[in-house]
Protein backbone atom coordinates (compact mmCIF):
# COMPACT_ATOMS: atom_id res chain seq x y z
CA MET A 1 -275.11 -36.20 -90.13
CA ILE A 2 -272.22 -34.42 -91.79
CA THR A 3 -273.00 -30.86 -92.42
CA LYS A 4 -271.80 -28.41 -94.97
CA LYS A 5 -270.32 -26.31 -92.27
CA PHE A 6 -268.57 -29.27 -90.87
CA LEU A 7 -267.15 -30.37 -94.11
CA THR A 8 -265.98 -26.68 -94.78
CA ALA A 9 -264.34 -26.60 -91.08
CA ILE A 10 -262.53 -29.84 -92.05
CA VAL A 11 -261.21 -28.78 -95.30
CA THR A 12 -260.15 -25.30 -93.62
CA ILE A 13 -258.11 -27.31 -90.99
CA VAL A 14 -256.38 -29.39 -93.60
CA LEU A 15 -255.39 -26.52 -95.73
CA ILE A 16 -254.02 -24.67 -92.76
CA ALA A 17 -252.30 -27.59 -91.68
CA ALA A 18 -250.91 -28.17 -95.19
CA PHE A 19 -249.86 -24.52 -95.51
CA TYR A 20 -248.16 -24.82 -92.04
CA GLY A 21 -246.18 -27.66 -93.02
CA CYS A 22 -245.14 -26.32 -96.28
CA SER A 23 -244.04 -23.01 -94.38
CA ARG A 24 -242.21 -25.07 -91.90
CA LYS A 25 -240.28 -27.13 -94.70
CA TYR A 26 -239.62 -23.83 -96.39
CA ALA A 27 -238.42 -21.91 -93.54
CA THR A 28 -236.22 -25.05 -92.20
CA LYS A 29 -234.75 -25.11 -95.76
CA ASN A 30 -234.05 -21.29 -95.94
CA ALA A 31 -232.28 -21.58 -92.62
CA PHE A 32 -229.91 -24.43 -93.94
CA GLY A 33 -226.40 -23.24 -94.99
CA LEU A 34 -223.95 -25.16 -96.81
CA LYS A 35 -222.59 -26.64 -93.65
CA ASP A 36 -226.04 -27.92 -92.82
CA TYR A 37 -226.84 -29.81 -95.94
CA TYR A 38 -223.25 -31.33 -95.73
CA SER A 39 -223.07 -31.91 -91.97
CA SER A 40 -222.57 -35.68 -92.47
CA TYR A 41 -220.30 -35.23 -95.07
CA PHE A 42 -217.44 -32.87 -94.48
CA LYS A 43 -216.86 -29.39 -93.19
CA MET A 44 -217.66 -26.51 -95.45
CA GLY A 45 -215.14 -23.50 -95.21
CA VAL A 46 -214.21 -20.16 -96.95
CA ALA A 47 -211.06 -18.09 -97.23
CA VAL A 48 -211.45 -14.90 -95.39
CA SER A 49 -209.78 -11.58 -94.57
CA PRO A 50 -210.50 -8.91 -91.82
CA GLN A 51 -213.11 -7.25 -94.09
CA THR A 52 -215.00 -10.67 -94.59
CA ILE A 53 -215.91 -10.78 -90.77
CA ARG A 54 -217.89 -7.72 -90.82
CA GLY A 55 -221.49 -6.82 -91.54
CA ALA A 56 -223.51 -8.70 -94.06
CA GLN A 57 -220.47 -10.76 -95.08
CA ALA A 58 -220.06 -11.97 -91.60
CA ALA A 59 -223.71 -13.04 -91.44
CA LEU A 60 -223.52 -14.92 -94.51
CA LEU A 61 -220.35 -16.72 -93.57
CA ILE A 62 -221.75 -17.64 -90.03
CA LYS A 63 -224.87 -19.11 -91.78
CA GLU A 64 -223.11 -21.15 -94.43
CA PHE A 65 -219.81 -22.13 -93.30
CA ASN A 66 -218.30 -23.77 -90.36
CA SER A 67 -214.62 -23.50 -91.06
CA ILE A 68 -212.34 -20.66 -92.17
CA THR A 69 -208.89 -20.08 -93.68
CA PRO A 70 -207.11 -16.82 -93.49
CA GLU A 71 -206.40 -15.85 -97.14
CA ASN A 72 -203.31 -13.85 -96.55
CA ALA A 73 -203.20 -13.12 -92.69
CA MET A 74 -200.87 -16.14 -91.88
CA LYS A 75 -198.51 -16.08 -95.21
CA MET A 76 -194.82 -15.45 -94.14
CA GLN A 77 -194.66 -12.14 -95.65
CA SER A 78 -197.73 -10.77 -93.87
CA ILE A 79 -197.03 -12.26 -90.56
CA HIS A 80 -193.16 -12.12 -90.32
CA PRO A 81 -191.95 -9.32 -92.49
CA ARG A 82 -188.79 -9.04 -90.79
CA GLU A 83 -186.82 -11.26 -88.62
CA ASN A 84 -187.51 -9.70 -85.32
CA GLN A 85 -191.03 -8.54 -86.23
CA TYR A 86 -194.31 -10.31 -86.10
CA ASN A 87 -197.57 -8.85 -87.21
CA TRP A 88 -200.08 -10.62 -85.31
CA ALA A 89 -203.19 -8.44 -85.44
CA ASP A 90 -205.04 -9.68 -88.74
CA ALA A 91 -204.48 -13.21 -87.82
CA ASP A 92 -205.49 -12.90 -84.15
CA THR A 93 -208.56 -11.15 -85.25
CA LEU A 94 -209.61 -14.05 -87.55
CA VAL A 95 -208.91 -16.80 -85.09
CA SER A 96 -210.74 -14.78 -82.44
CA PHE A 97 -213.81 -14.50 -84.71
CA ALA A 98 -213.74 -18.21 -85.35
CA VAL A 99 -213.34 -18.90 -81.61
CA ARG A 100 -216.43 -16.59 -80.76
CA ASN A 101 -218.65 -18.24 -83.47
CA GLY A 102 -217.67 -22.09 -83.07
CA LEU A 103 -215.64 -22.23 -86.54
CA LYS A 104 -212.86 -24.54 -87.28
CA VAL A 105 -209.65 -22.85 -88.67
CA ARG A 106 -207.25 -23.99 -91.23
CA GLY A 107 -203.90 -22.28 -91.20
CA HIS A 108 -202.23 -21.18 -94.42
CA THR A 109 -199.49 -21.39 -95.11
CA LEU A 110 -196.19 -22.00 -93.25
CA CYS A 111 -193.75 -22.48 -96.33
CA TRP A 112 -194.22 -21.31 -99.72
CA HIS A 113 -191.91 -19.81 -102.58
CA GLU A 114 -194.14 -16.72 -102.94
CA GLN A 115 -194.94 -14.01 -100.38
CA VAL A 116 -191.95 -14.93 -98.47
CA PRO A 117 -189.75 -12.12 -97.07
CA GLY A 118 -186.22 -11.78 -98.45
CA TRP A 119 -184.37 -11.70 -95.35
CA ILE A 120 -185.04 -15.51 -94.73
CA PHE A 121 -182.44 -16.13 -97.24
CA LYS A 122 -179.70 -13.71 -96.44
CA ASN A 123 -177.03 -13.88 -93.89
CA GLY A 124 -175.71 -10.84 -91.78
CA THR A 125 -173.65 -9.44 -94.64
CA GLY A 126 -176.74 -9.45 -97.17
CA GLU A 127 -175.16 -12.67 -99.03
CA LYS A 128 -177.17 -15.73 -99.52
CA ALA A 129 -177.74 -17.55 -96.23
CA ASP A 130 -176.43 -21.26 -95.83
CA LYS A 131 -178.74 -24.36 -95.36
CA LEU A 132 -178.49 -24.44 -91.61
CA LEU A 133 -179.35 -20.69 -91.26
CA VAL A 134 -182.35 -21.11 -93.39
CA LEU A 135 -183.55 -24.09 -91.77
CA LYS A 136 -183.15 -22.55 -88.33
CA ARG A 137 -185.35 -19.54 -89.37
CA LEU A 138 -187.89 -21.83 -90.75
CA LYS A 139 -188.25 -23.71 -87.64
CA ASP A 140 -188.24 -20.60 -85.61
CA HIS A 141 -190.85 -19.35 -87.78
CA ILE A 142 -193.13 -22.38 -87.59
CA ASN A 143 -192.39 -22.66 -83.70
CA ASN A 144 -193.78 -19.01 -83.20
CA VAL A 145 -196.72 -19.34 -85.66
CA VAL A 146 -198.17 -22.68 -84.89
CA GLY A 147 -197.40 -22.25 -81.26
CA ARG A 148 -199.20 -19.01 -80.99
CA TYR A 149 -202.56 -20.72 -82.31
CA LYS A 150 -201.97 -24.09 -80.83
CA GLY A 151 -205.43 -25.74 -79.82
CA LYS A 152 -207.09 -23.01 -82.14
CA VAL A 153 -205.98 -23.85 -85.57
CA TYR A 154 -207.01 -27.55 -86.08
CA ALA A 155 -205.01 -28.01 -89.45
CA TRP A 156 -202.32 -26.26 -91.43
CA ASP A 157 -200.99 -25.92 -94.99
CA VAL A 158 -197.46 -26.57 -93.95
CA VAL A 159 -195.72 -26.78 -97.37
CA ASN A 160 -197.37 -25.18 -100.46
CA GLU A 161 -196.94 -25.47 -104.17
CA VAL A 162 -193.18 -27.05 -104.23
CA ILE A 163 -193.84 -29.47 -107.25
CA GLY A 164 -192.90 -28.15 -110.63
CA ASP A 165 -195.30 -27.28 -113.47
CA GLU A 166 -192.94 -27.92 -116.26
CA GLU A 167 -192.48 -31.19 -117.95
CA GLY A 168 -189.81 -33.36 -116.35
CA GLN A 169 -189.46 -30.86 -113.66
CA TYR A 170 -190.05 -32.48 -110.34
CA LEU A 171 -189.25 -29.65 -107.64
CA ARG A 172 -190.17 -26.16 -108.62
CA PRO A 173 -186.96 -23.99 -108.62
CA SER A 174 -187.04 -21.65 -105.43
CA LEU A 175 -184.58 -20.52 -102.82
CA TRP A 176 -185.97 -23.01 -100.47
CA ASN A 177 -184.73 -25.79 -102.69
CA GLU A 178 -181.72 -24.12 -104.04
CA ILE A 179 -180.25 -23.49 -100.66
CA CYS A 180 -181.61 -26.54 -98.58
CA GLY A 181 -182.57 -29.27 -101.26
CA GLU A 182 -185.60 -31.37 -100.80
CA GLU A 183 -184.91 -31.73 -96.94
CA PHE A 184 -186.67 -28.27 -96.46
CA ILE A 185 -189.98 -30.17 -97.05
CA SER A 186 -189.82 -32.72 -94.35
CA ARG A 187 -188.41 -30.40 -91.95
CA ALA A 188 -191.35 -28.07 -92.11
CA PHE A 189 -193.75 -31.11 -91.14
CA GLU A 190 -191.57 -32.02 -88.52
CA TYR A 191 -191.26 -28.58 -87.04
CA ALA A 192 -195.03 -28.19 -87.17
CA HIS A 193 -195.60 -31.45 -85.55
CA GLN A 194 -193.35 -30.56 -82.92
CA ALA A 195 -195.09 -27.15 -82.27
CA ASP A 196 -198.51 -28.68 -82.11
CA PRO A 197 -198.50 -32.43 -81.84
CA ASP A 198 -202.32 -32.45 -82.29
CA ALA A 199 -202.63 -30.44 -85.45
CA LEU A 200 -203.42 -31.88 -88.82
CA LEU A 201 -200.66 -31.29 -91.29
CA PHE A 202 -201.25 -30.76 -94.96
CA TYR A 203 -199.26 -30.70 -98.24
CA ASN A 204 -201.20 -28.07 -100.57
CA ASP A 205 -200.99 -27.58 -104.23
CA TYR A 206 -202.81 -26.75 -107.58
CA ASN A 207 -203.41 -28.80 -110.66
CA SER A 208 -202.88 -31.82 -108.60
CA GLU A 209 -205.56 -33.50 -110.47
CA ARG A 210 -203.64 -33.30 -113.85
CA PRO A 211 -201.97 -36.74 -114.67
CA GLU A 212 -198.30 -35.68 -115.04
CA LYS A 213 -198.27 -33.30 -111.92
CA ARG A 214 -200.37 -35.60 -109.90
CA GLU A 215 -197.74 -38.49 -110.37
CA LYS A 216 -194.83 -36.17 -109.29
CA ILE A 217 -197.02 -35.17 -106.17
CA TYR A 218 -197.65 -38.76 -105.27
CA LYS A 219 -194.11 -39.68 -105.64
CA MET A 220 -193.11 -36.86 -103.03
CA LEU A 221 -195.97 -37.82 -100.79
CA LYS A 222 -195.19 -41.43 -100.68
CA LYS A 223 -191.59 -40.69 -99.99
CA LEU A 224 -192.84 -38.56 -97.01
CA VAL A 225 -195.21 -41.19 -95.83
CA ASP A 226 -192.56 -44.00 -96.15
CA ASN A 227 -190.00 -41.86 -94.23
CA LYS A 228 -192.65 -41.58 -91.62
CA VAL A 229 -192.83 -37.74 -91.76
CA PRO A 230 -195.61 -36.41 -89.83
CA ILE A 231 -198.01 -35.69 -92.71
CA HIS A 232 -201.94 -36.17 -92.58
CA GLY A 233 -203.18 -34.95 -95.73
CA ILE A 234 -203.32 -33.63 -99.26
CA GLY A 235 -204.87 -30.19 -100.12
CA LEU A 236 -206.30 -30.32 -103.80
CA GLN A 237 -206.74 -26.39 -104.24
CA GLY A 238 -209.47 -26.94 -106.55
CA HIS A 239 -208.85 -23.74 -108.59
CA TRP A 240 -210.91 -25.21 -111.60
CA SER A 241 -212.97 -23.91 -114.36
CA ILE A 242 -216.12 -24.81 -116.28
CA TYR A 243 -213.86 -26.67 -118.64
CA GLU A 244 -211.94 -28.79 -116.26
CA PRO A 245 -211.24 -31.41 -114.55
CA SER A 246 -213.30 -34.40 -115.59
CA ASP A 247 -215.21 -36.40 -113.33
CA SER A 248 -212.67 -39.39 -114.00
CA GLU A 249 -209.72 -37.21 -113.22
CA LEU A 250 -211.09 -36.10 -110.03
CA ARG A 251 -211.97 -39.85 -108.96
CA GLU A 252 -208.54 -41.23 -110.06
CA THR A 253 -206.82 -38.36 -108.04
CA ILE A 254 -208.71 -38.93 -104.98
CA LYS A 255 -208.38 -42.52 -105.04
CA LEU A 256 -204.48 -42.26 -105.76
CA TYR A 257 -203.75 -39.87 -102.69
CA SER A 258 -205.99 -41.46 -100.24
CA SER A 259 -204.32 -44.88 -101.06
CA LEU A 260 -201.34 -43.47 -99.07
CA GLY A 261 -203.56 -43.28 -96.01
CA LEU A 262 -203.84 -39.49 -96.12
CA GLN A 263 -207.19 -37.70 -95.97
CA VAL A 264 -207.91 -35.32 -98.68
CA GLN A 265 -209.20 -31.69 -98.34
CA ILE A 266 -210.57 -29.27 -101.19
CA THR A 267 -208.67 -26.37 -99.75
CA GLU A 268 -209.11 -23.30 -102.36
CA LEU A 269 -212.22 -24.20 -104.44
CA ASP A 270 -213.58 -21.82 -107.17
CA VAL A 271 -215.11 -22.40 -110.72
CA SER A 272 -213.68 -19.91 -113.15
CA ILE A 273 -215.82 -19.09 -116.39
CA TYR A 274 -212.82 -18.61 -118.23
CA LYS A 275 -210.51 -21.29 -119.75
CA TRP A 276 -207.37 -21.41 -117.84
CA GLU A 277 -204.34 -20.09 -120.39
CA LYS A 278 -200.76 -20.20 -118.95
CA ASN A 279 -199.10 -16.81 -118.87
CA LEU A 280 -202.34 -15.08 -120.00
CA ARG A 281 -202.09 -11.39 -118.78
CA LYS A 282 -204.64 -9.56 -120.67
CA LYS A 283 -208.15 -10.06 -121.80
CA ILE A 284 -208.86 -12.25 -124.93
CA PRO A 285 -211.03 -10.06 -127.36
CA GLY A 286 -214.55 -11.33 -127.43
CA GLU A 287 -214.27 -12.67 -123.85
CA PRO A 288 -217.70 -11.96 -122.21
CA ASP A 289 -217.58 -9.75 -119.02
CA SER A 290 -220.61 -11.11 -117.38
CA LEU A 291 -222.01 -14.29 -116.24
CA THR A 292 -224.14 -15.01 -119.47
CA ARG A 293 -226.83 -17.46 -119.20
CA GLN A 294 -224.79 -19.84 -121.18
CA LEU A 295 -221.99 -19.67 -118.61
CA GLU A 296 -224.29 -19.77 -115.79
CA LYS A 297 -225.55 -23.20 -117.09
CA LYS A 298 -222.12 -24.52 -117.59
CA GLN A 299 -220.91 -23.25 -114.20
CA LEU A 300 -223.79 -24.79 -112.30
CA GLU A 301 -223.48 -28.05 -114.28
CA LYS A 302 -219.70 -28.23 -113.27
CA TYR A 303 -220.32 -27.44 -109.56
CA ASP A 304 -222.90 -30.32 -109.89
CA ARG A 305 -220.61 -32.77 -111.12
CA ILE A 306 -217.89 -31.80 -108.78
CA PHE A 307 -219.96 -31.99 -105.59
CA SER A 308 -221.24 -35.35 -106.91
CA VAL A 309 -217.77 -36.75 -107.01
CA PHE A 310 -217.09 -35.22 -103.52
CA ARG A 311 -220.18 -36.88 -101.78
CA GLU A 312 -219.02 -40.19 -103.65
CA PHE A 313 -215.61 -39.91 -101.71
CA ASN A 314 -217.02 -38.56 -98.31
CA LYS A 315 -215.05 -40.96 -96.45
CA GLU A 316 -211.80 -39.76 -98.07
CA ILE A 317 -212.62 -35.86 -97.98
CA THR A 318 -212.75 -34.19 -94.63
CA SER A 319 -213.25 -30.55 -95.85
CA VAL A 320 -214.31 -28.44 -98.74
CA THR A 321 -213.21 -24.83 -98.66
CA PHE A 322 -213.96 -21.96 -101.09
CA TRP A 323 -211.43 -19.38 -101.95
CA ASN A 324 -213.30 -16.15 -101.05
CA LEU A 325 -217.02 -15.74 -100.03
CA SER A 326 -218.91 -14.19 -102.99
CA ASP A 327 -218.32 -12.87 -106.70
CA ARG A 328 -217.87 -9.43 -104.77
CA SER A 329 -214.41 -9.98 -104.11
CA THR A 330 -212.34 -12.82 -105.64
CA TRP A 331 -208.50 -13.22 -106.25
CA LEU A 332 -209.59 -14.27 -109.85
CA ASP A 333 -210.33 -10.63 -110.34
CA ARG A 334 -206.92 -9.82 -110.07
CA TYR A 335 -205.11 -12.92 -111.32
CA PRO A 336 -204.16 -13.96 -113.91
CA VAL A 337 -205.79 -10.97 -115.80
CA PRO A 338 -206.04 -7.92 -113.83
CA GLY A 339 -209.15 -6.04 -114.03
CA ARG A 340 -211.01 -8.97 -115.70
CA LYS A 341 -214.24 -9.81 -113.74
CA ASN A 342 -214.81 -13.31 -112.87
CA PHE A 343 -217.84 -15.09 -111.25
CA PRO A 344 -216.46 -18.18 -109.56
CA LEU A 345 -218.29 -18.80 -106.44
CA LEU A 346 -221.87 -19.75 -105.19
CA PHE A 347 -222.71 -16.35 -103.83
CA ASP A 348 -223.00 -13.26 -106.31
CA SER A 349 -221.84 -9.87 -105.73
CA ASN A 350 -224.97 -9.01 -103.67
CA LEU A 351 -224.33 -11.90 -101.25
CA GLN A 352 -227.30 -13.76 -102.88
CA ARG A 353 -227.15 -17.56 -103.70
CA LYS A 354 -226.67 -18.27 -107.31
CA LYS A 355 -228.35 -21.01 -109.28
CA ALA A 356 -225.25 -23.13 -108.87
CA TYR A 357 -225.78 -22.94 -105.07
CA GLN A 358 -229.08 -24.61 -105.50
CA ARG A 359 -227.61 -27.34 -107.65
CA VAL A 360 -224.90 -28.02 -104.98
CA VAL A 361 -227.55 -28.57 -102.47
CA ASP A 362 -229.93 -30.60 -104.51
CA PHE A 363 -229.44 -33.88 -102.87
CA LYS A 364 -230.89 -36.04 -100.20
CA PRO A 365 -228.61 -35.28 -97.00
CA ASP A 366 -228.92 -37.12 -93.77
CA LEU A 367 -229.50 -33.99 -91.58
CA ASN A 368 -229.56 -36.39 -88.57
CA GLN A 369 -225.88 -37.19 -88.47
CA PRO A 370 -223.37 -35.15 -86.70
CA VAL A 371 -220.72 -32.73 -88.31
CA LYS A 372 -217.69 -34.78 -89.33
């Protein structure tokens, strides 16, 4: 005969078991970071500075990500300001942090028209250097930087933003192009491959999903591939907004670039709450200076759509990197409108997960698969 006391004990056990199961599920879910949710899809990375790898920010970084990109420490102006001077300290610190914590490193960037020291383009008399001298200096720079981190940096943004933005403009005007012609692009990849044959080499650019620029980028990439230049992938920077790009633009872009046999990485992802306007340098009257409920909704919906497309192309996409860790510090607070607060990331200024974060991880991942 089943007594009331026995039934009470059974009910108690069932409730305790249910509570324990839910608690375990919650604890496990809370322990997951972006890298865990996306472990069977692609690496999840973030751009960092020496300040990012300290204290609470470092703890958040390690929990959420498995890849880092030095935001500025490896750019030519920072790491090689004078011909016979290299500043290794910041880059060494970031790479050492990554090695200690089992993080991958994307190197950024070896050849760019910005943040490049003037001495690169001048000869001994201060006049414009010729092509042979500029290419020699580019080779020496790449040999030294890539060589120093050989085996520790798995991928490099070799050439950055050389395609022009203007209608009918193929290559962007720059001293690289003016002195060396288009050859500097293929040479940079060849030099990087010689310095580290195992590193993955990428071309990196913004607005790479906009149709006109996309076609110009494709033209350049196809030429490199056809000429058997050692290039392995295309980096879509992903400096987007709540207004663009569309799902179809993203899909068409990924299909087009991957058709060349190149892997795709999202290299500098953020979703601005402001519409991009060319040459905007001051705040537009009436613009919000906070993440309003309406803007928050638009942002989480945009992140939801973006990551839905990313998961759809998980065979083509091998890494997604956010450009900065949280809204506490983002380059979009400085550019294009200095001092205008932006809120483009998945973590707020207090390093807490935003609603957009929950939307990004609200899918059914296969957590039993190894990291790609």
